[in-house]
Structures are given as structure tokens and as C-alpha cells.
């Protein structure tokens, strides 16, 4: 199934927060997009 999904479909189905998880920068630090899986197999699949 995930092999047939488009990237946007796959992000909604398997990424945590559809890939929109962040670490908030403090001080002179960037906002960091932290992508991780939320599915059977976790980030290993991604």
C-alpha cells in the first residue's frame, strides 16, 4: 500500500503530524523540522 501512495498521501498516512513536527528554536537558533514516522515499522520505513 505505501509503495503506491503519492508523497503527500504517504506523509499523511505514516509521518507524525504529516511531517510538520518541529523543534522550536531558542535564542539565535533555527526552527527545525523533525520528521519521524507514526506507523508500524516507525521511521525505519521512511
ModelCIF file with pLDDT and N, C-alpha, C, O atoms, coordinates in Angstrom:
data_MODEL
#
_entry.id   MODEL 
#
_entity.id                         1 
_entity.type                       polymer 
_entity.pdbx_number_of_molecules   1 
#
_entity_poly.entity_id                      1 
_entity_poly.type                           'polypeptide(L)' 
_entity_poly.nstd_linkage                   no 
_entity_poly.nstd_monomer                   no 
_entity_poly.pdbx_seq_one_letter_code       
;(UNK)(UNK)(UNK)(UNK)(UNK)(UNK)(UNK)(UNK)(UNK)(UNK)(UNK)(UNK)(UNK)(UNK)(UNK)(UNK)
(UNK)(UNK)(UNK)(UNK)(UNK)(UNK)(UNK)(UNK)(UNK)(UNK)(UNK)(UNK)(UNK)(UNK)(UNK)(UNK)
(UNK)(UNK)(UNK)(UNK)(UNK)(UNK)(UNK)(UNK)(UNK)(UNK)(UNK)(UNK)(UNK)(UNK)
;
_entity_poly.pdbx_seq_one_letter_code_can   XXXXXXXXXXXXXXXXXXXXXXXXXXXXXXXXXXXXXXXXXXXXXX 
_entity_poly.pdbx_strand_id                 A 
#
loop_
_entity_poly_seq.entity_id 
_entity_poly_seq.num 
_entity_poly_seq.mon_id 
_entity_poly_seq.hetero 
1 1  UNK n 
1 2  UNK n 
1 3  UNK n 
1 4  UNK n 
1 5  UNK n 
1 6  UNK n 
1 7  UNK n 
1 8  UNK n 
1 9  UNK n 
1 10 UNK n 
1 11 UNK n 
1 12 UNK n 
1 13 UNK n 
1 14 UNK n 
1 15 UNK n 
1 16 UNK n 
1 17 UNK n 
1 18 UNK n 
1 19 UNK n 
1 20 UNK n 
1 21 UNK n 
1 22 UNK n 
1 23 UNK n 
1 24 UNK n 
1 25 UNK n 
1 26 UNK n 
1 27 UNK n 
1 28 UNK n 
1 29 UNK n 
1 30 UNK n 
1 31 UNK n 
1 32 UNK n 
1 33 UNK n 
1 34 UNK n 
1 35 UNK n 
1 36 UNK n 
1 37 UNK n 
1 38 UNK n 
1 39 UNK n 
1 40 UNK n 
1 41 UNK n 
1 42 UNK n 
1 43 UNK n 
1 44 UNK n 
1 45 UNK n 
1 46 UNK n 
#
_struct_asym.id          A 
_struct_asym.entity_id   1 
#
loop_
_ma_qa_metric.id 
_ma_qa_metric.mode 
_ma_qa_metric.name 
_ma_qa_metric.software_group_id 
_ma_qa_metric.type 
1 global pLDDT . pLDDT 
2 local  pLDDT . pLDDT 
#
_ma_qa_metric_global.metric_id      1 
_ma_qa_metric_global.metric_value   93.33 
_ma_qa_metric_global.model_id       1 
_ma_qa_metric_global.ordinal_id     1 
#
loop_
_ma_qa_metric_local.label_asym_id 
_ma_qa_metric_local.label_comp_id 
_ma_qa_metric_local.label_seq_id 
_ma_qa_metric_local.metric_id 
_ma_qa_metric_local.metric_value 
_ma_qa_metric_local.model_id 
_ma_qa_metric_local.ordinal_id 
A UNK 1  2 92.00 1 1  
A UNK 2  2 92.00 1 2  
A UNK 3  2 89.00 1 3  
A UNK 4  2 91.00 1 4  
A UNK 5  2 90.00 1 5  
A UNK 6  2 88.00 1 6  
A UNK 7  2 86.00 1 7  
A UNK 8  2 87.00 1 8  
A UNK 9  2 90.00 1 9  
A UNK 10 2 89.00 1 10 
A UNK 11 2 90.00 1 11 
A UNK 12 2 91.00 1 12 
A UNK 13 2 91.00 1 13 
A UNK 14 2 93.00 1 14 
A UNK 15 2 94.00 1 15 
A UNK 16 2 94.00 1 16 
A UNK 17 2 93.00 1 17 
A UNK 18 2 90.00 1 18 
A UNK 19 2 90.00 1 19 
A UNK 20 2 90.00 1 20 
A UNK 21 2 94.00 1 21 
A UNK 22 2 95.00 1 22 
A UNK 23 2 97.00 1 23 
A UNK 24 2 97.00 1 24 
A UNK 25 2 97.00 1 25 
A UNK 26 2 96.00 1 26 
A UNK 27 2 94.00 1 27 
A UNK 28 2 95.00 1 28 
A UNK 29 2 97.00 1 29 
A UNK 30 2 97.00 1 30 
A UNK 31 2 97.00 1 31 
A UNK 32 2 97.00 1 32 
A UNK 33 2 96.00 1 33 
A UNK 34 2 96.00 1 34 
A UNK 35 2 92.00 1 35 
A UNK 36 2 94.00 1 36 
A UNK 37 2 94.00 1 37 
A UNK 38 2 96.00 1 38 
A UNK 39 2 96.00 1 39 
A UNK 40 2 97.00 1 40 
A UNK 41 2 96.00 1 41 
A UNK 42 2 95.00 1 42 
A UNK 43 2 95.00 1 43 
A UNK 44 2 95.00 1 44 
A UNK 45 2 95.00 1 45 
A UNK 46 2 93.00 1 46 
#
loop_
_atom_site.group_PDB 
_atom_site.id 
_atom_site.type_symbol 
_atom_site.label_atom_id 
_atom_site.label_alt_id 
_atom_site.label_comp_id 
_atom_site.label_asym_id 
_atom_site.label_entity_id 
_atom_site.label_seq_id 
_atom_site.pdbx_PDB_ins_code 
_atom_site.Cartn_x 
_atom_site.Cartn_y 
_atom_site.Cartn_z 
_atom_site.occupancy 
_atom_site.B_iso_or_equiv 
_atom_site.pdbx_formal_charge 
_atom_site.auth_seq_id 
_atom_site.auth_comp_id 
_atom_site.auth_asym_id 
_atom_site.auth_atom_id 
_atom_site.pdbx_PDB_model_num 
ATOM 1   N N  . UNK A 1 1  ? 0.826  -1.206 0.000  1.00 92.00 ? 1  UNK A N  1 
ATOM 2   C CA . UNK A 1 1  ? 0.000  0.000  0.000  1.00 92.00 ? 1  UNK A CA 1 
ATOM 3   C C  . UNK A 1 1  ? 0.857  1.251  0.000  1.00 92.00 ? 1  UNK A C  1 
ATOM 4   O O  . UNK A 1 1  ? 0.653  2.136  -0.832 1.00 92.00 ? 1  UNK A O  1 
ATOM 5   N N  . UNK A 1 2  ? 1.823  1.346  0.926  1.00 92.00 ? 2  UNK A N  1 
ATOM 6   C CA . UNK A 1 2  ? 2.593  2.596  0.978  1.00 92.00 ? 2  UNK A CA 1 
ATOM 7   C C  . UNK A 1 2  ? 3.478  2.762  -0.253 1.00 92.00 ? 2  UNK A C  1 
ATOM 8   O O  . UNK A 1 2  ? 3.855  3.882  -0.598 1.00 92.00 ? 2  UNK A O  1 
ATOM 9   N N  . UNK A 1 3  ? 3.813  1.654  -0.917 1.00 89.00 ? 3  UNK A N  1 
ATOM 10  C CA . UNK A 1 3  ? 4.595  1.757  -2.139 1.00 89.00 ? 3  UNK A CA 1 
ATOM 11  C C  . UNK A 1 3  ? 3.836  2.393  -3.285 1.00 89.00 ? 3  UNK A C  1 
ATOM 12  O O  . UNK A 1 3  ? 4.444  2.851  -4.252 1.00 89.00 ? 3  UNK A O  1 
ATOM 13  N N  . UNK A 1 4  ? 2.494  2.426  -3.189 1.00 91.00 ? 4  UNK A N  1 
ATOM 14  C CA . UNK A 1 4  ? 1.665  3.016  -4.249 1.00 91.00 ? 4  UNK A CA 1 
ATOM 15  C C  . UNK A 1 4  ? 1.229  4.445  -3.930 1.00 91.00 ? 4  UNK A C  1 
ATOM 16  O O  . UNK A 1 4  ? 0.703  5.138  -4.801 1.00 91.00 ? 4  UNK A O  1 
ATOM 17  N N  . UNK A 1 5  ? 1.441  4.889  -2.695 1.00 90.00 ? 5  UNK A N  1 
ATOM 18  C CA . UNK A 1 5  ? 0.958  6.210  -2.302 1.00 90.00 ? 5  UNK A CA 1 
ATOM 19  C C  . UNK A 1 5  ? 1.837  7.319  -2.891 1.00 90.00 ? 5  UNK A C  1 
ATOM 20  O O  . UNK A 1 5  ? 3.043  7.141  -3.066 1.00 90.00 ? 5  UNK A O  1 
ATOM 21  N N  . UNK A 1 6  ? 1.225  8.448  -3.189 1.00 88.00 ? 6  UNK A N  1 
ATOM 22  C CA . UNK A 1 6  ? 1.993  9.630  -3.569 1.00 88.00 ? 6  UNK A CA 1 
ATOM 23  C C  . UNK A 1 6  ? 2.686  10.162 -2.322 1.00 88.00 ? 6  UNK A C  1 
ATOM 24  O O  . UNK A 1 6  ? 2.272  9.835  -1.209 1.00 88.00 ? 6  UNK A O  1 
ATOM 25  N N  . UNK A 1 7  ? 3.738  10.980 -2.479 1.00 86.00 ? 7  UNK A N  1 
ATOM 26  C CA . UNK A 1 7  ? 4.414  11.522 -1.291 1.00 86.00 ? 7  UNK A CA 1 
ATOM 27  C C  . UNK A 1 7  ? 3.465  12.224 -0.323 1.00 86.00 ? 7  UNK A C  1 
ATOM 28  O O  . UNK A 1 7  ? 3.586  12.039 0.887  1.00 86.00 ? 7  UNK A O  1 
ATOM 29  N N  . UNK A 1 8  ? 2.528  13.021 -0.821 1.00 87.00 ? 8  UNK A N  1 
ATOM 30  C CA . UNK A 1 8  ? 1.621  13.728 0.085  1.00 87.00 ? 8  UNK A CA 1 
ATOM 31  C C  . UNK A 1 8  ? 0.697  12.757 0.806  1.00 87.00 ? 8  UNK A C  1 
ATOM 32  O O  . UNK A 1 8  ? 0.416  12.937 1.991  1.00 87.00 ? 8  UNK A O  1 
ATOM 33  N N  . UNK A 1 9  ? 0.224  11.734 0.110  1.00 90.00 ? 9  UNK A N  1 
ATOM 34  C CA . UNK A 1 9  ? -0.625 10.728 0.761  1.00 90.00 ? 9  UNK A CA 1 
ATOM 35  C C  . UNK A 1 9  ? 0.165  9.966  1.819  1.00 90.00 ? 9  UNK A C  1 
ATOM 36  O O  . UNK A 1 9  ? -0.333 9.691  2.911  1.00 90.00 ? 9  UNK A O  1 
ATOM 37  N N  . UNK A 1 10 ? 1.392  9.634  1.477  1.00 89.00 ? 10 UNK A N  1 
ATOM 38  C CA . UNK A 1 10 ? 2.221  8.855  2.383  1.00 89.00 ? 10 UNK A CA 1 
ATOM 39  C C  . UNK A 1 10 ? 2.564  9.651  3.641  1.00 89.00 ? 10 UNK A C  1 
ATOM 40  O O  . UNK A 1 10 ? 2.610  9.095  4.738  1.00 89.00 ? 10 UNK A O  1 
ATOM 41  N N  . UNK A 1 11 ? 2.804  10.946 3.483  1.00 90.00 ? 11 UNK A N  1 
ATOM 42  C CA . UNK A 1 11 ? 3.094  11.770 4.652  1.00 90.00 ? 11 UNK A CA 1 
ATOM 43  C C  . UNK A 1 11 ? 1.897  11.834 5.584  1.00 90.00 ? 11 UNK A C  1 
ATOM 44  O O  . UNK A 1 11 ? 2.058  11.797 6.804  1.00 90.00 ? 11 UNK A O  1 
ATOM 45  N N  . UNK A 1 12 ? 0.705  11.930 5.027  1.00 91.00 ? 12 UNK A N  1 
ATOM 46  C CA . UNK A 1 12 ? -0.496 11.962 5.877  1.00 91.00 ? 12 UNK A CA 1 
ATOM 47  C C  . UNK A 1 12 ? -0.731 10.625 6.557  1.00 91.00 ? 12 UNK A C  1 
ATOM 48  O O  . UNK A 1 12 ? -1.232 10.582 7.680  1.00 91.00 ? 12 UNK A O  1 
ATOM 49  N N  . UNK A 1 13 ? -0.380 9.538  5.896  1.00 91.00 ? 13 UNK A N  1 
ATOM 50  C CA . UNK A 1 13 ? -0.675 8.215  6.427  1.00 91.00 ? 13 UNK A CA 1 
ATOM 51  C C  . UNK A 1 13 ? 0.359  7.718  7.427  1.00 91.00 ? 13 UNK A C  1 
ATOM 52  O O  . UNK A 1 13 ? 0.022  6.959  8.336  1.00 91.00 ? 13 UNK A O  1 
ATOM 53  N N  . UNK A 1 14 ? 1.641  8.144  7.269  1.00 93.00 ? 14 UNK A N  1 
ATOM 54  C CA . UNK A 1 14 ? 2.708  7.485  8.010  1.00 93.00 ? 14 UNK A CA 1 
ATOM 55  C C  . UNK A 1 14 ? 3.628  8.415  8.794  1.00 93.00 ? 14 UNK A C  1 
ATOM 56  O O  . UNK A 1 14 ? 4.265  7.983  9.755  1.00 93.00 ? 14 UNK A O  1 
ATOM 57  N N  . UNK A 1 15 ? 3.707  9.675  8.402  1.00 94.00 ? 15 UNK A N  1 
ATOM 58  C CA . UNK A 1 15 ? 4.545  10.608 9.147  1.00 94.00 ? 15 UNK A CA 1 
ATOM 59  C C  . UNK A 1 15 ? 3.785  11.177 10.351 1.00 94.00 ? 15 UNK A C  1 
ATOM 60  O O  . UNK A 1 15 ? 2.575  11.392 10.279 1.00 94.00 ? 15 UNK A O  1 
ATOM 61  N N  . UNK A 1 16 ? 4.470  11.409 11.412 1.00 94.00 ? 16 UNK A N  1 
ATOM 62  C CA . UNK A 1 16 ? 3.855  12.099 12.557 1.00 94.00 ? 16 UNK A CA 1 
ATOM 63  C C  . UNK A 1 16 ? 3.548  13.529 12.160 1.00 94.00 ? 16 UNK A C  1 
ATOM 64  O O  . UNK A 1 16 ? 4.393  14.224 11.597 1.00 94.00 ? 16 UNK A O  1 
ATOM 65  N N  . UNK A 1 17 ? 2.337  13.963 12.457 1.00 93.00 ? 17 UNK A N  1 
ATOM 66  C CA . UNK A 1 17 ? 1.879  15.317 12.116 1.00 93.00 ? 17 UNK A CA 1 
ATOM 67  C C  . UNK A 1 17 ? 2.047  15.614 10.631 1.00 93.00 ? 17 UNK A C  1 
ATOM 68  O O  . UNK A 1 17 ? 2.274  16.760 10.244 1.00 93.00 ? 17 UNK A O  1 
ATOM 69  N N  . UNK A 1 18 ? 1.934  14.579 9.800  1.00 90.00 ? 18 UNK A N  1 
ATOM 70  C CA . UNK A 1 18 ? 2.090  14.729 8.345  1.00 90.00 ? 18 UNK A CA 1 
ATOM 71  C C  . UNK A 1 18 ? 3.408  15.408 7.983  1.00 90.00 ? 18 UNK A C  1 
ATOM 72  O O  . UNK A 1 18 ? 3.488  16.151 7.005  1.00 90.00 ? 18 UNK A O  1 
ATOM 73  N N  . UNK A 1 19 ? 4.438  15.143 8.783  1.00 90.00 ? 19 UNK A N  1 
ATOM 74  C CA . UNK A 1 19 ? 5.754  15.712 8.511  1.00 90.00 ? 19 UNK A CA 1 
ATOM 75  C C  . UNK A 1 19 ? 5.953  17.112 9.036  1.00 90.00 ? 19 UNK A C  1 
ATOM 76  O O  . UNK A 1 19 ? 6.949  17.752 8.699  1.00 90.00 ? 19 UNK A O  1 
ATOM 77  N N  . UNK A 1 20 ? 5.031  17.617 9.860  1.00 90.00 ? 20 UNK A N  1 
ATOM 78  C CA . UNK A 1 20 ? 5.104  19.002 10.323 1.00 90.00 ? 20 UNK A CA 1 
ATOM 79  C C  . UNK A 1 20 ? 5.453  19.097 11.808 1.00 90.00 ? 20 UNK A C  1 
ATOM 80  O O  . UNK A 1 20 ? 4.968  19.987 12.507 1.00 90.00 ? 20 UNK A O  1 
ATOM 81  N N  . UNK A 1 21 ? 6.291  18.181 12.286 1.00 94.00 ? 21 UNK A N  1 
ATOM 82  C CA . UNK A 1 21 ? 6.777  18.246 13.655 1.00 94.00 ? 21 UNK A CA 1 
ATOM 83  C C  . UNK A 1 21 ? 8.007  19.154 13.704 1.00 94.00 ? 21 UNK A C  1 
ATOM 84  O O  . UNK A 1 21 ? 8.874  19.073 12.834 1.00 94.00 ? 21 UNK A O  1 
ATOM 85  N N  . UNK A 1 22 ? 8.083  20.011 14.711 1.00 95.00 ? 22 UNK A N  1 
ATOM 86  C CA . UNK A 1 22 ? 9.184  20.968 14.785 1.00 95.00 ? 22 UNK A CA 1 
ATOM 87  C C  . UNK A 1 22 ? 9.806  20.995 16.179 1.00 95.00 ? 22 UNK A C  1 
ATOM 88  O O  . UNK A 1 22 ? 9.163  20.689 17.184 1.00 95.00 ? 22 UNK A O  1 
ATOM 89  N N  . UNK A 1 23 ? 11.088 21.376 16.197 1.00 97.00 ? 23 UNK A N  1 
ATOM 90  C CA . UNK A 1 23 ? 11.745 21.800 17.428 1.00 97.00 ? 23 UNK A CA 1 
ATOM 91  C C  . UNK A 1 23 ? 11.862 23.319 17.336 1.00 97.00 ? 23 UNK A C  1 
ATOM 92  O O  . UNK A 1 23 ? 12.419 23.846 16.373 1.00 97.00 ? 23 UNK A O  1 
ATOM 93  N N  . UNK A 1 24 ? 11.345 24.006 18.320 1.00 97.00 ? 24 UNK A N  1 
ATOM 94  C CA . UNK A 1 24 ? 11.289 25.466 18.291 1.00 97.00 ? 24 UNK A CA 1 
ATOM 95  C C  . UNK A 1 24 ? 12.644 26.049 18.663 1.00 97.00 ? 24 UNK A C  1 
ATOM 96  O O  . UNK A 1 24 ? 13.174 25.780 19.741 1.00 97.00 ? 24 UNK A O  1 
ATOM 97  N N  . UNK A 1 25 ? 13.196 26.850 17.761 1.00 97.00 ? 25 UNK A N  1 
ATOM 98  C CA . UNK A 1 25 ? 14.498 27.448 18.015 1.00 97.00 ? 25 UNK A CA 1 
ATOM 99  C C  . UNK A 1 25 ? 14.448 28.458 19.151 1.00 97.00 ? 25 UNK A C  1 
ATOM 100 O O  . UNK A 1 25 ? 13.544 29.291 19.210 1.00 97.00 ? 25 UNK A O  1 
ATOM 101 N N  . UNK A 1 26 ? 15.415 28.385 20.047 1.00 96.00 ? 26 UNK A N  1 
ATOM 102 C CA . UNK A 1 26 ? 15.534 29.309 21.173 1.00 96.00 ? 26 UNK A CA 1 
ATOM 103 C C  . UNK A 1 26 ? 16.805 30.125 20.991 1.00 96.00 ? 26 UNK A C  1 
ATOM 104 O O  . UNK A 1 26 ? 17.841 29.579 20.612 1.00 96.00 ? 26 UNK A O  1 
ATOM 105 N N  . UNK A 1 27 ? 16.739 31.421 21.257 1.00 94.00 ? 27 UNK A N  1 
ATOM 106 C CA . UNK A 1 27 ? 17.898 32.265 21.040 1.00 94.00 ? 27 UNK A CA 1 
ATOM 107 C C  . UNK A 1 27 ? 18.192 32.367 19.547 1.00 94.00 ? 27 UNK A C  1 
ATOM 108 O O  . UNK A 1 27 ? 17.269 32.433 18.735 1.00 94.00 ? 27 UNK A O  1 
ATOM 109 N N  . UNK A 1 28 ? 19.446 32.381 19.191 1.00 95.00 ? 28 UNK A N  1 
ATOM 110 C CA . UNK A 1 28 ? 19.835 32.502 17.784 1.00 95.00 ? 28 UNK A CA 1 
ATOM 111 C C  . UNK A 1 28 ? 19.915 31.118 17.147 1.00 95.00 ? 28 UNK A C  1 
ATOM 112 O O  . UNK A 1 28 ? 20.973 30.684 16.691 1.00 95.00 ? 28 UNK A O  1 
ATOM 113 N N  . UNK A 1 29 ? 18.766 30.436 17.128 1.00 97.00 ? 29 UNK A N  1 
ATOM 114 C CA . UNK A 1 29 ? 18.698 29.062 16.629 1.00 97.00 ? 29 UNK A CA 1 
ATOM 115 C C  . UNK A 1 29 ? 17.583 28.931 15.600 1.00 97.00 ? 29 UNK A C  1 
ATOM 116 O O  . UNK A 1 29 ? 16.575 29.632 15.691 1.00 97.00 ? 29 UNK A O  1 
ATOM 117 N N  . UNK A 1 30 ? 17.747 28.046 14.627 1.00 97.00 ? 30 UNK A N  1 
ATOM 118 C CA . UNK A 1 30 ? 16.693 27.868 13.624 1.00 97.00 ? 30 UNK A CA 1 
ATOM 119 C C  . UNK A 1 30 ? 15.521 27.052 14.158 1.00 97.00 ? 30 UNK A C  1 
ATOM 120 O O  . UNK A 1 30 ? 15.664 26.290 15.114 1.00 97.00 ? 30 UNK A O  1 
ATOM 121 N N  . UNK A 1 31 ? 14.381 27.221 13.539 1.00 97.00 ? 31 UNK A N  1 
ATOM 122 C CA . UNK A 1 31 ? 13.264 26.303 13.724 1.00 97.00 ? 31 UNK A CA 1 
ATOM 123 C C  . UNK A 1 31 ? 13.614 25.047 12.923 1.00 97.00 ? 31 UNK A C  1 
ATOM 124 O O  . UNK A 1 31 ? 13.962 25.143 11.746 1.00 97.00 ? 31 UNK A O  1 
ATOM 125 N N  . UNK A 1 32 ? 13.526 23.870 13.551 1.00 97.00 ? 32 UNK A N  1 
ATOM 126 C CA . UNK A 1 32 ? 13.979 22.649 12.900 1.00 97.00 ? 32 UNK A CA 1 
ATOM 127 C C  . UNK A 1 32 ? 12.801 21.716 12.660 1.00 97.00 ? 32 UNK A C  1 
ATOM 128 O O  . UNK A 1 32 ? 12.107 21.327 13.600 1.00 97.00 ? 32 UNK A O  1 
ATOM 129 N N  . UNK A 1 33 ? 12.581 21.364 11.414 1.00 96.00 ? 33 UNK A N  1 
ATOM 130 C CA . UNK A 1 33 ? 11.563 20.380 11.050 1.00 96.00 ? 33 UNK A CA 1 
ATOM 131 C C  . UNK A 1 33 ? 12.116 18.995 11.364 1.00 96.00 ? 33 UNK A C  1 
ATOM 132 O O  . UNK A 1 33 ? 13.091 18.559 10.753 1.00 96.00 ? 33 UNK A O  1 
ATOM 133 N N  . UNK A 1 34 ? 11.489 18.298 12.322 1.00 96.00 ? 34 UNK A N  1 
ATOM 134 C CA . UNK A 1 34 ? 11.962 16.986 12.766 1.00 96.00 ? 34 UNK A CA 1 
ATOM 135 C C  . UNK A 1 34 ? 10.963 15.936 12.288 1.00 96.00 ? 34 UNK A C  1 
ATOM 136 O O  . UNK A 1 34 ? 9.891  15.772 12.870 1.00 96.00 ? 34 UNK A O  1 
ATOM 137 N N  . UNK A 1 35 ? 11.326 15.234 11.230 1.00 92.00 ? 35 UNK A N  1 
ATOM 138 C CA . UNK A 1 35 ? 10.399 14.274 10.627 1.00 92.00 ? 35 UNK A CA 1 
ATOM 139 C C  . UNK A 1 35 ? 10.598 12.888 11.232 1.00 92.00 ? 35 UNK A C  1 
ATOM 140 O O  . UNK A 1 35 ? 11.726 12.413 11.364 1.00 92.00 ? 35 UNK A O  1 
ATOM 141 N N  . UNK A 1 36 ? 9.490  12.245 11.597 1.00 94.00 ? 36 UNK A N  1 
ATOM 142 C CA . UNK A 1 36 ? 9.539  10.914 12.182 1.00 94.00 ? 36 UNK A CA 1 
ATOM 143 C C  . UNK A 1 36 ? 8.267  10.158 11.850 1.00 94.00 ? 36 UNK A C  1 
ATOM 144 O O  . UNK A 1 36 ? 7.225  10.758 11.584 1.00 94.00 ? 36 UNK A O  1 
ATOM 145 N N  . UNK A 1 37 ? 8.358  8.847  11.867 1.00 94.00 ? 37 UNK A N  1 
ATOM 146 C CA . UNK A 1 37 ? 7.224  8.024  11.489 1.00 94.00 ? 37 UNK A CA 1 
ATOM 147 C C  . UNK A 1 37 ? 6.245  7.806  12.619 1.00 94.00 ? 37 UNK A C  1 
ATOM 148 O O  . UNK A 1 37 ? 6.612  7.867  13.793 1.00 94.00 ? 37 UNK A O  1 
ATOM 149 N N  . UNK A 1 38 ? 4.995  7.550  12.263 1.00 96.00 ? 38 UNK A N  1 
ATOM 150 C CA . UNK A 1 38 ? 3.974  7.109  13.205 1.00 96.00 ? 38 UNK A CA 1 
ATOM 151 C C  . UNK A 1 38 ? 3.172  6.027  12.498 1.00 96.00 ? 38 UNK A C  1 
ATOM 152 O O  . UNK A 1 38 ? 2.089  6.277  11.968 1.00 96.00 ? 38 UNK A O  1 
ATOM 153 N N  . UNK A 1 39 ? 3.725  4.821  12.502 1.00 96.00 ? 39 UNK A N  1 
ATOM 154 C CA . UNK A 1 39 ? 3.139  3.705  11.770 1.00 96.00 ? 39 UNK A CA 1 
ATOM 155 C C  . UNK A 1 39 ? 3.864  2.438  12.195 1.00 96.00 ? 39 UNK A C  1 
ATOM 156 O O  . UNK A 1 39 ? 4.885  2.506  12.879 1.00 96.00 ? 39 UNK A O  1 
ATOM 157 N N  . UNK A 1 40 ? 3.348  1.296  11.799 1.00 97.00 ? 40 UNK A N  1 
ATOM 158 C CA . UNK A 1 40 ? 4.044  0.040  12.049 1.00 97.00 ? 40 UNK A CA 1 
ATOM 159 C C  . UNK A 1 40 ? 5.360  0.064  11.267 1.00 97.00 ? 40 UNK A C  1 
ATOM 160 O O  . UNK A 1 40 ? 5.367  0.262  10.052 1.00 97.00 ? 40 UNK A O  1 
ATOM 161 N N  . UNK A 1 41 ? 6.460  -0.138 11.974 1.00 96.00 ? 41 UNK A N  1 
ATOM 162 C CA . UNK A 1 41 ? 7.783  -0.018 11.373 1.00 96.00 ? 41 UNK A CA 1 
ATOM 163 C C  . UNK A 1 41 ? 8.441  1.308  11.657 1.00 96.00 ? 41 UNK A C  1 
ATOM 164 O O  . UNK A 1 41 ? 9.647  1.462  11.462 1.00 96.00 ? 41 UNK A O  1 
ATOM 165 N N  . UNK A 1 42 ? 7.651  2.281  12.122 1.00 95.00 ? 42 UNK A N  1 
ATOM 166 C CA . UNK A 1 42 ? 8.187  3.571  12.519 1.00 95.00 ? 42 UNK A CA 1 
ATOM 167 C C  . UNK A 1 42 ? 9.008  4.248  11.443 1.00 95.00 ? 42 UNK A C  1 
ATOM 168 O O  . UNK A 1 42 ? 8.760  4.070  10.251 1.00 95.00 ? 42 UNK A O  1 
ATOM 169 N N  . UNK A 1 43 ? 9.987  5.026  11.871 1.00 95.00 ? 43 UNK A N  1 
ATOM 170 C CA . UNK A 1 43 ? 10.809 5.785  10.935 1.00 95.00 ? 43 UNK A CA 1 
ATOM 171 C C  . UNK A 1 43 ? 11.669 4.895  10.051 1.00 95.00 ? 43 UNK A C  1 
ATOM 172 O O  . UNK A 1 43 ? 12.208 5.349  9.042  1.00 95.00 ? 43 UNK A O  1 
ATOM 173 N N  . UNK A 1 44 ? 11.795 3.629  10.429 1.00 95.00 ? 44 UNK A N  1 
ATOM 174 C CA . UNK A 1 44 ? 12.546 2.694  9.584  1.00 95.00 ? 44 UNK A CA 1 
ATOM 175 C C  . UNK A 1 44 ? 11.979 2.628  8.171  1.00 95.00 ? 44 UNK A C  1 
ATOM 176 O O  . UNK A 1 44 ? 12.722 2.432  7.208  1.00 95.00 ? 44 UNK A O  1 
ATOM 177 N N  . UNK A 1 45 ? 10.668 2.791  8.046  1.00 95.00 ? 45 UNK A N  1 
ATOM 178 C CA . UNK A 1 45 ? 10.032 2.724  6.719  1.00 95.00 ? 45 UNK A CA 1 
ATOM 179 C C  . UNK A 1 45 ? 10.270 3.995  5.915  1.00 95.00 ? 45 UNK A C  1 
ATOM 180 O O  . UNK A 1 45 ? 10.006 4.026  4.713  1.00 95.00 ? 45 UNK A O  1 
ATOM 181 N N  . UNK A 1 46 ? 10.776 5.063  6.577  1.00 93.00 ? 46 UNK A N  1 
ATOM 182 C CA . UNK A 1 46 ? 10.811 6.389  5.973  1.00 93.00 ? 46 UNK A CA 1 
ATOM 183 C C  . UNK A 1 46 ? 12.209 6.986  5.870  1.00 93.00 ? 46 UNK A C  1 
ATOM 184 O O  . UNK A 1 46 ? 12.369 8.102  5.377  1.00 93.00 ? 46 UNK A O  1 
#
